[in-house]
Structures are given as C-alpha cells and as structure tokens.
N, C-alpha and C. Protein backbone atom coordinates (compact mmCIF):
# COMPACT_ATOMS: atom_id res chain seq x y z
N PHE A 1 3.90 -44.81 18.41
CA PHE A 1 5.20 -43.84 17.62
C PHE A 1 5.27 -44.50 16.05
N PRO A 2 5.27 -45.66 15.66
CA PRO A 2 5.37 -45.98 14.44
C PRO A 2 4.49 -45.45 13.77
N LEU A 3 3.10 -45.56 13.98
CA LEU A 3 2.11 -44.69 13.20
C LEU A 3 2.33 -43.33 13.13
N VAL A 4 2.41 -42.72 14.34
CA VAL A 4 2.57 -41.41 13.97
C VAL A 4 3.56 -41.22 12.98
N ASP A 5 4.86 -41.34 13.24
CA ASP A 5 5.98 -41.55 12.53
C ASP A 5 5.62 -41.66 10.92
N ARG A 6 4.90 -42.18 10.20
CA ARG A 6 4.71 -43.42 9.08
C ARG A 6 3.34 -42.23 8.40
N TYR A 7 2.28 -41.82 9.22
CA TYR A 7 1.23 -41.12 8.87
C TYR A 7 0.65 -39.96 9.13
N LEU A 8 2.12 -39.00 9.78
CA LEU A 8 1.84 -37.96 10.20
C LEU A 8 0.84 -36.54 9.79
N ASP A 9 0.62 -36.57 8.46
CA ASP A 9 -0.07 -35.98 7.41
C ASP A 9 -1.27 -36.41 7.15
N VAL A 10 -1.23 -37.59 7.49
CA VAL A 10 -2.91 -38.58 7.73
C VAL A 10 -3.89 -38.24 9.02
N ILE A 11 -2.72 -38.22 9.84
CA ILE A 11 -3.88 -37.94 11.48
C ILE A 11 -3.73 -36.07 11.88
N ARG A 12 -2.67 -35.46 10.74
CA ARG A 12 -2.81 -34.12 11.24
C ARG A 12 -4.48 -33.55 10.77
N ASN A 13 -4.59 -34.52 9.60
CA ASN A 13 -5.68 -33.69 8.51
C ASN A 13 -7.15 -34.42 9.54
N ALA A 14 -6.87 -35.50 10.20
CA ALA A 14 -7.78 -36.10 10.69
C ALA A 14 -8.14 -34.80 11.90
N PHE A 15 -7.20 -34.33 12.79
CA PHE A 15 -7.41 -33.76 13.44
C PHE A 15 -7.70 -32.08 13.72
N GLU A 16 -8.20 -31.69 12.77
CA GLU A 16 -8.44 -30.49 12.39
C GLU A 16 -9.23 -29.23 13.39
N PHE A 17 -8.67 -28.46 13.59
CA PHE A 17 -8.81 -27.51 14.91
C PHE A 17 -9.12 -26.68 14.24
N ASP A 18 -10.51 -25.85 14.95
CA ASP A 18 -10.60 -24.68 14.50
C ASP A 18 -10.31 -23.65 15.83
N ASN A 19 -9.13 -22.97 15.54
CA ASN A 19 -8.48 -22.15 16.48
C ASN A 19 -9.82 -21.12 17.17
N SER A 20 -10.50 -20.33 16.25
CA SER A 20 -11.75 -19.61 16.57
C SER A 20 -12.77 -19.92 17.93
N LYS A 21 -12.56 -21.59 17.90
CA LYS A 21 -13.61 -22.14 19.03
C LYS A 21 -12.96 -23.10 19.85
N CYS A 22 -11.56 -23.40 19.64
CA CYS A 22 -10.81 -24.31 20.61
C CYS A 22 -9.64 -23.10 21.28
N CYS A 23 -9.15 -21.77 20.95
CA CYS A 23 -8.27 -21.13 21.16
C CYS A 23 -8.76 -19.82 22.29
N ALA A 24 -8.34 -19.76 23.62
CA ALA A 24 -8.69 -18.31 23.91
C ALA A 24 -7.14 -17.94 24.18
N ARG A 25 -6.44 -18.04 24.17
CA ARG A 25 -4.99 -17.17 24.02
C ARG A 25 -3.94 -18.30 22.95
N ILE A 26 -3.52 -17.33 22.34
CA ILE A 26 -2.25 -18.17 21.33
C ILE A 26 -1.08 -17.56 21.93
N PRO A 27 0.15 -18.54 22.26
CA PRO A 27 1.56 -18.00 22.25
C PRO A 27 1.91 -17.21 21.19
N ASP A 28 3.08 -16.07 21.81
CA ASP A 28 3.55 -14.91 20.70
C ASP A 28 4.86 -15.63 20.44
N SER A 29 5.66 -15.25 19.27
CA SER A 29 6.40 -15.64 18.49
C SER A 29 7.82 -16.43 19.60
N GLU A 30 8.23 -15.15 20.69
CA GLU A 30 9.18 -15.33 21.37
C GLU A 30 8.60 -16.19 22.74
N GLU A 31 7.71 -16.67 23.05
CA GLU A 31 7.10 -17.27 24.08
C GLU A 31 7.32 -18.86 24.15
N THR A 32 8.11 -19.28 25.43
CA THR A 32 8.42 -20.61 25.46
C THR A 32 7.38 -21.08 26.43
N VAL A 33 7.16 -22.35 26.20
CA VAL A 33 5.38 -22.99 26.97
C VAL A 33 5.88 -24.14 27.38
N PHE A 34 5.94 -24.14 29.06
CA PHE A 34 6.32 -25.20 29.84
C PHE A 34 4.99 -25.66 29.98
N HIS A 35 5.06 -26.86 30.21
CA HIS A 35 3.62 -27.65 30.50
C HIS A 35 3.88 -28.64 31.85
N PHE A 36 3.17 -28.29 32.96
CA PHE A 36 3.53 -29.07 34.02
C PHE A 36 2.56 -30.03 34.42
N ARG A 37 2.73 -31.47 34.02
CA ARG A 37 1.84 -32.15 34.09
C ARG A 37 1.01 -32.53 35.78
N ASN A 38 1.96 -32.39 37.00
CA ASN A 38 1.57 -32.33 38.24
C ASN A 38 0.73 -33.50 38.22
N TYR A 39 1.69 -34.42 38.35
CA TYR A 39 1.28 -35.89 38.64
C TYR A 39 0.89 -35.80 40.38
N MET A 40 1.88 -34.84 41.01
CA MET A 40 1.86 -35.02 41.99
C MET A 40 0.58 -34.57 43.31
N SER A 41 -0.55 -34.18 42.26
CA SER A 41 -1.53 -33.91 42.81
C SER A 41 -2.60 -34.59 42.05
N GLU A 42 -2.09 -35.38 41.64
CA GLU A 42 -3.37 -36.29 40.89
C GLU A 42 -3.48 -37.84 41.70
N MET A 43 -2.21 -37.75 42.36
CA MET A 43 -2.32 -39.28 42.73
C MET A 43 -1.02 -39.13 43.79
N PRO A 44 -1.08 -40.26 45.15
CA PRO A 44 -0.26 -40.08 45.97
C PRO A 44 1.00 -40.29 45.31
N ASP A 45 2.31 -39.79 46.27
CA ASP A 45 3.17 -39.50 45.73
C ASP A 45 4.25 -41.00 45.18
N TRP A 46 3.92 -41.83 46.55
CA TRP A 46 4.28 -43.33 45.87
C TRP A 46 3.45 -43.66 44.71
N ARG A 47 2.65 -43.53 44.83
CA ARG A 47 2.10 -44.15 43.28
C ARG A 47 2.49 -43.32 41.93
N ALA A 48 2.72 -42.22 41.70
CA ALA A 48 3.67 -41.67 40.87
C ALA A 48 5.00 -42.16 40.38
N TYR A 49 5.47 -42.03 41.45
CA TYR A 49 6.90 -42.91 41.74
C TYR A 49 6.93 -44.41 41.14
N ALA A 50 6.03 -45.08 41.88
CA ALA A 50 6.10 -46.65 41.15
C ALA A 50 5.63 -47.11 40.02
N VAL A 51 5.32 -46.01 39.69
CA VAL A 51 4.12 -45.64 37.85
C VAL A 51 5.58 -45.26 36.81
N GLY A 52 6.12 -44.34 37.46
CA GLY A 52 7.21 -43.85 36.80
C GLY A 52 6.83 -42.71 36.26
N PHE A 53 5.95 -42.10 36.74
CA PHE A 53 5.63 -40.91 36.50
C PHE A 53 6.06 -39.37 37.35
N SER A 54 7.48 -39.61 37.45
CA SER A 54 7.90 -38.23 37.82
C SER A 54 7.96 -37.04 37.12
N GLU A 55 8.31 -36.14 38.07
CA GLU A 55 8.62 -34.65 37.60
C GLU A 55 10.01 -34.29 37.72
N LEU A 56 10.74 -33.75 37.06
CA LEU A 56 11.72 -32.78 37.39
C LEU A 56 11.14 -31.74 38.19
N SER A 57 12.03 -31.53 39.80
CA SER A 57 11.70 -30.74 40.33
C SER A 57 11.88 -29.11 39.91
N PRO A 58 11.26 -28.07 40.40
CA PRO A 58 11.43 -26.78 39.76
C PRO A 58 12.87 -26.44 39.61
N ASN A 59 13.93 -26.41 40.95
CA ASN A 59 15.44 -26.49 40.45
C ASN A 59 15.82 -26.98 39.64
N LYS A 60 15.98 -28.11 39.23
CA LYS A 60 16.32 -28.92 38.29
C LYS A 60 15.78 -28.71 37.04
N THR A 61 14.77 -28.29 36.97
CA THR A 61 14.10 -28.02 35.72
C THR A 61 14.82 -26.57 35.07
N ALA A 62 14.84 -25.74 36.09
CA ALA A 62 15.08 -24.38 35.63
C ALA A 62 16.64 -24.23 35.32
N GLN A 63 17.87 -25.44 35.89
CA GLN A 63 18.80 -25.48 36.37
C GLN A 63 19.73 -26.43 35.14
N GLU A 64 18.51 -27.58 34.72
CA GLU A 64 19.38 -28.32 33.82
C GLU A 64 18.67 -28.23 32.77
N LEU A 65 17.09 -28.16 33.00
CA LEU A 65 16.22 -28.85 31.65
C LEU A 65 16.25 -27.22 30.91
N PHE A 66 16.66 -26.07 31.39
CA PHE A 66 16.78 -24.92 31.01
C PHE A 66 18.01 -24.20 30.66
N ALA A 67 19.17 -24.96 30.94
CA ALA A 67 20.70 -24.65 30.91
C ALA A 67 20.45 -24.16 29.60
N SER A 68 21.73 -23.14 29.90
CA SER A 68 22.06 -22.48 28.43
C SER A 68 22.82 -23.85 27.34
N SER A 69 23.01 -24.72 27.64
CA SER A 69 23.50 -25.50 26.89
C SER A 69 22.20 -26.29 26.10
N HIS A 70 20.94 -26.20 26.71
CA HIS A 70 19.83 -26.78 25.82
C HIS A 70 18.84 -25.62 25.31
N TRP A 71 19.31 -24.24 26.05
CA TRP A 71 17.72 -23.44 25.61
C TRP A 71 18.62 -21.96 25.51
N GLN A 72 18.75 -21.28 24.58
CA GLN A 72 18.83 -19.99 24.38
C GLN A 72 18.01 -18.86 24.64
N LYS A 73 18.27 -18.08 26.08
CA LYS A 73 17.67 -17.09 26.22
C LYS A 73 17.91 -16.22 25.55
N GLY A 74 16.41 -15.03 24.76
CA GLY A 74 16.66 -14.09 23.91
C GLY A 74 15.85 -13.03 24.36
N LYS A 75 16.05 -12.12 23.98
CA LYS A 75 16.06 -10.89 24.65
C LYS A 75 14.68 -10.32 25.27
N ASP A 76 13.70 -10.99 24.08
CA ASP A 76 12.12 -10.66 24.41
C ASP A 76 11.50 -11.91 24.83
N ASP A 77 12.54 -13.00 25.44
CA ASP A 77 12.16 -14.32 25.86
C ASP A 77 11.09 -14.64 27.32
N HIS A 78 10.20 -15.43 27.30
CA HIS A 78 9.73 -15.16 28.36
C HIS A 78 9.10 -17.21 28.53
N ILE A 79 8.72 -17.48 29.63
CA ILE A 79 8.28 -18.61 29.87
C ILE A 79 7.58 -18.98 30.36
N THR A 80 5.99 -18.87 29.76
CA THR A 80 4.18 -19.38 30.31
C THR A 80 4.66 -20.79 31.10
N VAL A 81 3.76 -20.76 31.60
CA VAL A 81 3.55 -22.61 32.58
C VAL A 81 2.10 -22.75 32.20
N THR A 82 1.74 -24.33 32.15
CA THR A 82 0.09 -24.33 32.05
C THR A 82 0.10 -25.61 32.86
N SER A 83 -0.48 -26.24 33.32
CA SER A 83 -0.86 -27.09 33.85
C SER A 83 -2.05 -27.70 34.12
N ARG A 84 -2.27 -29.39 34.29
CA ARG A 84 -3.63 -29.70 34.52
C ARG A 84 -4.38 -29.27 35.98
N ILE A 85 -3.24 -29.39 36.87
CA ILE A 85 -3.79 -28.41 38.10
C ILE A 85 -2.75 -27.23 38.46
N PRO A 86 -3.30 -26.10 38.21
CA PRO A 86 -2.82 -24.92 38.13
C PRO A 86 -2.24 -24.65 39.80
N ASN A 87 -1.53 -24.85 40.92
CA ASN A 87 -1.76 -24.99 42.32
C ASN A 87 -0.28 -24.61 42.46
N LYS A 88 -0.12 -24.65 43.84
CA LYS A 88 1.37 -24.28 44.36
C LYS A 88 2.42 -24.76 43.97
N TYR A 89 2.31 -25.98 43.74
CA TYR A 89 3.31 -27.16 43.02
C TYR A 89 3.66 -26.40 41.30
N ALA A 90 2.85 -25.95 40.66
CA ALA A 90 2.65 -25.09 39.45
C ALA A 90 3.54 -24.07 39.53
N ARG A 91 2.87 -22.92 40.53
CA ARG A 91 3.27 -21.39 40.61
C ARG A 91 5.19 -21.96 41.17
N ALA A 92 5.22 -22.65 42.08
CA ALA A 92 6.75 -23.21 42.22
C ALA A 92 7.69 -22.79 40.93
N TYR A 93 7.56 -23.42 39.58
CA TYR A 93 7.80 -23.43 38.25
C TYR A 93 8.13 -21.99 38.25
N VAL A 94 7.20 -21.09 38.00
CA VAL A 94 7.57 -19.90 37.52
C VAL A 94 7.83 -19.44 39.04
N GLU A 95 8.33 -19.53 39.78
CA GLU A 95 9.41 -18.63 40.77
C GLU A 95 10.85 -19.64 40.38
N ALA A 96 10.89 -20.46 39.98
CA ALA A 96 12.53 -20.74 39.74
C ALA A 96 12.80 -20.33 38.41
N PHE A 97 11.76 -20.02 37.33
CA PHE A 97 12.40 -19.25 36.22
C PHE A 97 12.77 -17.94 36.24
N GLN A 98 11.73 -17.24 37.31
CA GLN A 98 11.80 -15.87 37.58
C GLN A 98 13.21 -15.71 38.45
N GLN A 99 13.13 -16.66 39.38
CA GLN A 99 14.84 -15.98 40.31
C GLN A 99 15.83 -16.81 39.78
N GLN A 100 16.13 -18.28 38.97
CA GLN A 100 17.14 -18.71 38.93
C GLN A 100 17.34 -18.57 37.40
N LEU A 101 16.38 -18.04 36.27
CA LEU A 101 16.59 -17.58 34.84
C LEU A 101 16.81 -16.40 34.62
N GLY A 102 16.00 -15.38 35.78
CA GLY A 102 15.85 -13.92 35.68
C GLY A 102 14.85 -14.12 34.28
N VAL A 103 14.21 -14.81 34.05
CA VAL A 103 13.07 -14.96 32.92
C VAL A 103 11.71 -14.08 33.02
N PRO A 104 11.13 -13.48 32.70
CA PRO A 104 9.52 -13.48 33.14
C PRO A 104 8.95 -14.48 33.01
N SER A 105 7.88 -15.11 33.61
CA SER A 105 7.24 -16.04 33.83
C SER A 105 5.87 -15.83 34.61
N GLU A 106 4.99 -16.82 33.71
CA GLU A 106 3.76 -16.41 34.51
C GLU A 106 2.73 -17.67 34.12
N LEU A 107 1.81 -17.89 35.19
CA LEU A 107 1.03 -19.36 34.97
C LEU A 107 -0.49 -19.29 34.30
N ILE A 108 -0.85 -19.79 33.57
CA ILE A 108 -2.19 -19.60 33.07
C ILE A 108 -3.23 -20.66 33.89
N SER A 109 -3.95 -19.87 34.63
CA SER A 109 -4.82 -20.69 35.43
C SER A 109 -6.42 -20.31 35.15
N ASN A 110 -6.76 -19.93 34.08
CA ASN A 110 -8.36 -19.68 33.96
C ASN A 110 -8.60 -19.91 32.79
N GLN A 111 -8.16 -21.31 31.83
CA GLN A 111 -8.53 -21.82 30.98
C GLN A 111 -9.02 -23.25 31.19
N SER A 112 -9.60 -23.63 29.93
CA SER A 112 -10.14 -25.00 30.31
C SER A 112 -9.25 -25.95 29.63
N GLY A 113 -9.08 -27.43 29.87
CA GLY A 113 -8.57 -28.25 28.94
C GLY A 113 -8.15 -28.04 27.67
N ILE A 114 -9.68 -27.57 27.08
CA ILE A 114 -9.34 -27.35 25.46
C ILE A 114 -8.54 -26.69 25.04
N GLN A 115 -8.70 -25.33 25.99
CA GLN A 115 -8.53 -24.43 25.42
C GLN A 115 -6.39 -24.42 25.79
N ASP A 116 -6.38 -25.16 27.07
CA ASP A 116 -4.88 -25.28 26.97
C ASP A 116 -4.53 -26.01 26.29
N PHE A 117 -4.85 -27.14 25.46
CA PHE A 117 -4.33 -27.83 24.46
C PHE A 117 -3.77 -27.19 23.47
N CYS A 118 -4.96 -26.38 23.17
CA CYS A 118 -4.76 -25.01 21.99
C CYS A 118 -3.82 -24.70 22.01
N PHE A 119 -3.19 -23.95 23.29
CA PHE A 119 -2.33 -22.80 23.59
C PHE A 119 -1.27 -23.66 23.48
N LEU A 120 -0.74 -24.85 23.86
CA LEU A 120 0.50 -25.65 23.64
C LEU A 120 0.43 -26.34 22.13
N LYS A 121 -0.41 -26.44 21.66
CA LYS A 121 -0.28 -26.75 20.20
C LYS A 121 0.01 -25.17 19.22
N GLU A 122 -0.49 -24.23 19.19
CA GLU A 122 -0.23 -23.25 19.09
C GLU A 122 1.23 -22.54 19.43
N THR A 123 2.33 -23.12 20.14
CA THR A 123 3.16 -22.72 20.54
C THR A 123 4.32 -22.77 19.20
N LYS A 124 4.97 -21.56 19.16
CA LYS A 124 6.07 -21.40 17.84
C LYS A 124 7.35 -21.40 17.82
N LYS A 125 7.68 -20.97 19.39
CA LYS A 125 9.45 -21.18 19.57
C LYS A 125 9.52 -22.32 20.17
N THR A 126 9.25 -22.58 21.54
CA THR A 126 9.35 -23.99 22.08
C THR A 126 8.64 -24.42 23.12
N LEU A 127 8.34 -25.66 22.73
CA LEU A 127 7.57 -26.12 23.93
C LEU A 127 8.23 -27.34 24.30
N VAL A 128 7.93 -27.45 25.87
CA VAL A 128 8.66 -28.45 27.28
C VAL A 128 7.66 -28.94 28.07
N GLY A 129 7.85 -30.23 28.16
CA GLY A 129 7.04 -31.05 28.90
C GLY A 129 7.30 -32.40 29.45
N ASN A 130 6.94 -33.17 30.12
CA ASN A 130 7.20 -34.47 30.36
C ASN A 130 6.75 -35.49 29.32
N ALA A 131 7.64 -36.29 29.03
CA ALA A 131 7.35 -37.03 27.79
C ALA A 131 6.36 -38.21 28.24
N ARG A 132 6.24 -38.33 29.75
CA ARG A 132 4.95 -39.63 30.07
C ARG A 132 3.62 -38.67 29.43
N SER A 133 3.64 -37.17 29.35
CA SER A 133 2.22 -36.44 29.16
C SER A 133 1.62 -36.97 27.60
N THR A 134 0.91 -37.97 27.49
CA THR A 134 0.33 -37.76 25.78
C THR A 134 -0.21 -36.38 25.30
N TYR A 135 -0.86 -35.77 26.55
CA TYR A 135 -1.14 -34.02 26.45
C TYR A 135 -0.32 -33.01 25.70
N VAL A 136 0.86 -33.28 26.39
CA VAL A 136 2.09 -32.12 25.70
C VAL A 136 2.31 -33.10 24.25
N PHE A 137 2.48 -34.29 24.32
CA PHE A 137 2.98 -34.70 23.07
C PHE A 137 2.32 -34.63 22.00
N TRP A 138 0.62 -34.58 21.97
CA TRP A 138 0.13 -34.63 21.02
C TRP A 138 -0.08 -33.28 20.59
N ALA A 139 0.31 -32.62 21.48
CA ALA A 139 0.25 -30.85 20.84
C ALA A 139 1.65 -30.52 20.54
N GLY A 140 2.32 -31.46 20.36
CA GLY A 140 3.92 -30.77 19.95
C GLY A 140 3.83 -31.19 18.74
N VAL A 141 3.05 -32.84 18.60
CA VAL A 141 3.01 -33.27 17.01
C VAL A 141 1.94 -32.60 15.96
N LEU A 142 0.64 -32.62 16.50
CA LEU A 142 -0.14 -31.99 15.73
C LEU A 142 0.12 -30.51 15.20
N GLY A 143 0.97 -29.85 16.01
CA GLY A 143 0.92 -28.38 16.50
C GLY A 143 2.14 -28.07 15.24
N LYS A 144 3.02 -26.94 15.01
CA LYS A 144 4.18 -26.80 14.03
C LYS A 144 5.38 -26.22 14.82
N VAL A 145 4.76 -26.24 16.42
CA VAL A 145 6.30 -25.48 17.15
C VAL A 145 7.66 -26.12 16.46
N ARG A 146 8.76 -25.06 16.24
CA ARG A 146 10.04 -25.45 16.07
C ARG A 146 10.69 -26.59 16.84
N ASP A 147 10.87 -26.08 18.40
CA ASP A 147 11.34 -27.16 19.14
C ASP A 147 10.67 -27.74 19.98
N CYS A 148 9.78 -29.25 20.13
CA CYS A 148 9.54 -29.33 21.33
C CYS A 148 10.06 -30.61 22.24
N ARG A 149 10.31 -30.07 23.28
CA ARG A 149 11.80 -31.21 23.76
C ARG A 149 10.49 -31.80 25.15
N LEU A 150 10.26 -33.44 24.86
CA LEU A 150 10.16 -34.27 25.74
C LEU A 150 11.09 -34.88 26.31
N TYR A 151 10.75 -34.71 27.99
CA TYR A 151 11.90 -35.05 28.42
C TYR A 151 11.17 -36.40 29.64
N HIS A 152 12.46 -37.27 29.91
CA HIS A 152 11.93 -38.35 31.00
C HIS A 152 12.83 -37.94 32.29
N VAL A 153 12.14 -38.35 33.08
CA VAL A 153 13.27 -38.82 34.42
C VAL A 153 13.75 -39.73 34.96
N ASP A 154 15.18 -39.91 35.14
CA ASP A 154 15.25 -41.25 35.47
C ASP A 154 15.38 -41.92 36.88
N THR A 155 14.39 -42.64 37.24
CA THR A 155 14.09 -42.44 38.59
C THR A 155 14.34 -44.45 39.14
N PHE A 156 14.46 -44.63 40.78
CA PHE A 156 14.80 -45.92 40.50
C PHE A 156 13.38 -46.69 40.37
N GLY A 157 12.23 -46.19 40.57
CA GLY A 157 10.84 -46.15 40.48
C GLY A 157 10.82 -46.43 38.62
N LEU A 158 11.12 -45.50 38.15
CA LEU A 158 10.88 -45.95 36.54
C LEU A 158 11.68 -47.16 36.05
N ARG A 159 12.81 -47.15 36.76
CA ARG A 159 13.58 -48.48 36.28
C ARG A 159 13.23 -49.78 36.57
N GLU A 160 12.68 -49.63 37.70
CA GLU A 160 12.10 -50.89 38.05
C GLU A 160 10.66 -51.53 37.73
N ARG A 161 9.98 -50.33 37.24
CA ARG A 161 8.84 -50.95 36.23
C ARG A 161 8.81 -51.04 34.94
N HIS A 162 9.87 -50.20 34.40
CA HIS A 162 10.12 -50.24 33.05
C HIS A 162 11.72 -50.28 32.80
N PRO A 163 12.47 -51.11 32.78
CA PRO A 163 13.62 -51.58 32.66
C PRO A 163 14.09 -51.07 31.56
N GLN A 164 13.48 -50.97 30.37
CA GLN A 164 13.69 -50.39 29.06
C GLN A 164 12.76 -49.51 28.64
N PHE A 165 12.98 -48.68 29.87
CA PHE A 165 11.75 -47.28 29.46
C PHE A 165 12.57 -46.56 28.25
N TRP A 166 13.71 -46.47 28.27
CA TRP A 166 14.02 -45.38 26.99
C TRP A 166 13.43 -45.88 25.48
N GLU A 167 13.78 -47.13 25.65
CA GLU A 167 13.46 -47.81 24.27
C GLU A 167 11.54 -47.65 23.94
N ARG A 168 10.97 -48.37 25.13
CA ARG A 168 9.29 -47.89 24.88
C ARG A 168 9.55 -47.15 25.06
N PHE A 169 9.67 -45.58 25.38
CA PHE A 169 8.70 -44.63 25.57
C PHE A 169 9.57 -43.13 24.23
N THR A 170 10.40 -43.76 23.49
CA THR A 170 10.69 -42.51 22.54
C THR A 170 10.89 -43.57 21.27
N TYR A 171 11.29 -42.57 20.44
CA TYR A 171 10.83 -43.39 18.84
C TYR A 171 12.09 -42.53 17.99
N PRO A 172 13.39 -43.57 17.49
CA PRO A 172 13.83 -42.65 16.40
C PRO A 172 13.05 -42.22 15.34
N TRP A 173 12.75 -41.17 15.28
CA TRP A 173 11.89 -40.61 13.79
C TRP A 173 12.54 -41.23 12.95
N THR A 174 11.93 -41.22 11.70
CA THR A 174 12.16 -41.31 10.29
C THR A 174 11.63 -40.19 9.22
N ASN A 175 10.28 -39.80 9.67
CA ASN A 175 9.56 -38.60 9.08
C ASN A 175 10.36 -37.16 9.33
N PRO A 176 10.63 -36.94 8.62
CA PRO A 176 11.61 -35.51 8.72
C PRO A 176 11.60 -34.16 9.23
N GLU A 177 9.89 -33.93 9.23
CA GLU A 177 9.65 -33.52 10.45
C GLU A 177 9.31 -33.26 12.07
N LEU A 178 9.22 -34.54 11.96
CA LEU A 178 9.32 -35.20 13.47
C LEU A 178 10.72 -35.09 14.17
N LYS A 179 11.55 -35.62 13.20
CA LYS A 179 12.78 -35.79 13.33
C LYS A 179 13.21 -34.66 13.47
N LYS A 180 13.21 -33.71 13.62
CA LYS A 180 13.45 -31.74 12.85
C LYS A 180 12.97 -31.29 14.39
N ARG A 181 11.58 -31.66 14.57
CA ARG A 181 10.85 -30.80 15.98
C ARG A 181 10.66 -31.71 17.26
N ILE A 182 10.65 -33.17 17.46
CA ILE A 182 10.15 -33.83 18.29
C ILE A 182 11.72 -34.37 18.73
N HIS A 183 12.11 -34.22 20.28
CA HIS A 183 13.31 -34.37 20.72
C HIS A 183 13.08 -35.23 22.26
N PHE A 184 13.51 -36.22 22.35
CA PHE A 184 13.19 -36.60 23.56
C PHE A 184 14.75 -36.37 24.39
N GLU A 185 14.27 -36.36 25.94
CA GLU A 185 15.73 -35.93 26.35
C GLU A 185 15.64 -36.85 27.83
N LEU A 186 16.90 -37.15 28.66
CA LEU A 186 16.79 -38.00 29.79
C LEU A 186 17.83 -36.78 30.63
N TYR A 187 16.85 -36.94 31.86
CA TYR A 187 17.62 -36.29 33.08
C TYR A 187 17.37 -36.86 34.48
N GLN A 188 18.55 -36.99 35.05
CA GLN A 188 18.45 -37.47 36.41
C GLN A 188 17.77 -37.00 37.42
N SER A 189 16.89 -38.03 38.15
CA SER A 189 15.89 -37.19 39.56
C SER A 189 17.21 -36.83 40.39
N GLU A 190 16.73 -36.28 41.59
CA GLU A 190 17.67 -36.14 42.90
C GLU A 190 18.40 -37.45 43.42
N GLU A 191 17.45 -38.41 43.61
CA GLU A 191 18.18 -39.74 44.12
C GLU A 191 18.77 -40.35 43.58
N ILE A 192 18.65 -40.27 42.20
CA ILE A 192 20.13 -41.14 41.29
C ILE A 192 21.30 -39.79 41.39
N ASP A 193 21.01 -38.65 41.23
CA ASP A 193 22.25 -38.13 41.89
C ASP A 193 22.62 -38.44 43.29
N ARG A 194 22.09 -38.42 44.33
CA ARG A 194 22.35 -38.91 45.19
C ARG A 194 23.20 -40.24 45.52
N SER A 195 22.73 -41.36 44.71
CA SER A 195 23.18 -42.24 44.74
C SER A 195 24.51 -42.36 44.29
N GLN A 196 24.69 -41.48 43.12
CA GLN A 196 26.14 -41.22 42.82
C GLN A 196 27.29 -40.51 43.62
N ARG A 197 27.21 -39.84 44.11
CA ARG A 197 27.94 -38.81 45.17
C ARG A 197 28.85 -39.50 45.68
N PRO A 198 30.44 -39.69 45.79
CA PRO A 198 31.30 -40.72 46.50
C PRO A 198 30.90 -40.29 48.06
N GLN A 199 30.80 -41.70 48.78
CA GLN A 199 30.50 -41.91 50.21
C GLN A 199 31.52 -41.13 51.40
N GLN A 200 31.24 -40.07 51.81
CA GLN A 200 32.04 -39.69 52.51
C GLN A 200 32.18 -40.15 53.98
N ASP A 201 33.52 -40.68 54.25
CA ASP A 201 34.45 -41.51 55.29
C ASP A 201 33.53 -40.63 56.45
N GLY A 202 33.22 -41.98 57.67
CA GLY A 202 32.73 -41.00 59.14
C GLY A 202 33.70 -40.51 59.60
N PRO A 203 33.40 -40.22 61.22
CA PRO A 203 34.84 -39.75 61.64
C PRO A 203 35.71 -41.11 62.45
N THR A 204 37.06 -40.84 62.13
CA THR A 204 37.92 -41.78 62.69
C THR A 204 38.11 -41.47 64.17
C-alpha cells in the first residue's frame, strides 16, 4: 500500500494498457460493476474460511453492501457481475440484485481473464469487490473509476488468522486521488451476526 500511495503515477505509467487489444467490452457511464471473486469454487469452504477469504452472501451483498446509505441507484443504473468462475454461485448475485434491488443485472461469462480485468479497470461509475482480491484492487487503482469500494468480511476465521486484519489489509491513503476514489469497508458475516443476537431463554 505505501508504494502505491507514493508512486501511483509511476505505477500507472508502467502498466499502460492498449484497450483495443485487451478489452472486449467497456462499461457505460451508468454501469455499476461488482466483482465476485468466488473463492468458494476455487478451494474448500473450510480453507477459504480459515485463511480469511470469505465473501458476503448474495443477500447481505444486496441488503447491506448495496444499501441506500452506501449506494444511490440511478434511473438508468444497472449492475454487471464479473467472476473468476462465472457459475451458479455468481448467478445468485445477479438474482439478488434483480429481486431485492429491482435493478437490471447480468453476469459476464464469455470473456477471458484479461478482458475481465480491462472491463473492471474501465469502470466509470462504481466498482465493488472483495478487498482480499488483488485483481479488483489493481483494476481500481490503475483505472479512473469514481468510486472503488473494497469490502472486508468480518469472520471468526479472519480474526483468528489475522487479529489485526483491518490494519494489515487497509491503508490510510495520503495520495489525493486514491483518498477520493479507493475506499475500504467492513461488513459482518452471518456468523458474527448470529453471535451478537440476544440468547433466548428456553421453555420454563
């Protein structure tokens, strides 16, 4: 993080992209892009949990990550989903956006990894993804998206493996551009929610 904060312009110049060769499609001005890393399809659930690679469920993503206090839906807005593995788990987010937010949504499934990265990098309005994904992080940093929202999921597994995870995986930007565009957010997992609910007394 400190190197990116200090040398953003140098890094961006070093990684110059030829969009005519890298991109298959570029988001329009009112397109919100959500990147679902899909760790659950890459490794066993217990492994993803143990190393802190948890992602918000479709319901919590729609209800909390895209809550009105964080995201203002425009009349022409729509949410496009990309994923390293565009399977049924990724499609569940499309369904959640459509059903719970009433927003048109689609899953891109016919692009290469390079084309997906170019698509993320060229997002103009809002780019949202898991903060543990360097893929979406670098797309946000190298691009010019107005609002890049990188979220962490608070789980007991993450707390155990990285007790100081917020300090380790976020950064207080001093670069004016990064400070304005790249934001870290924290959301609780379902298990944390359950642990904080008042215990109900059993039958007497």
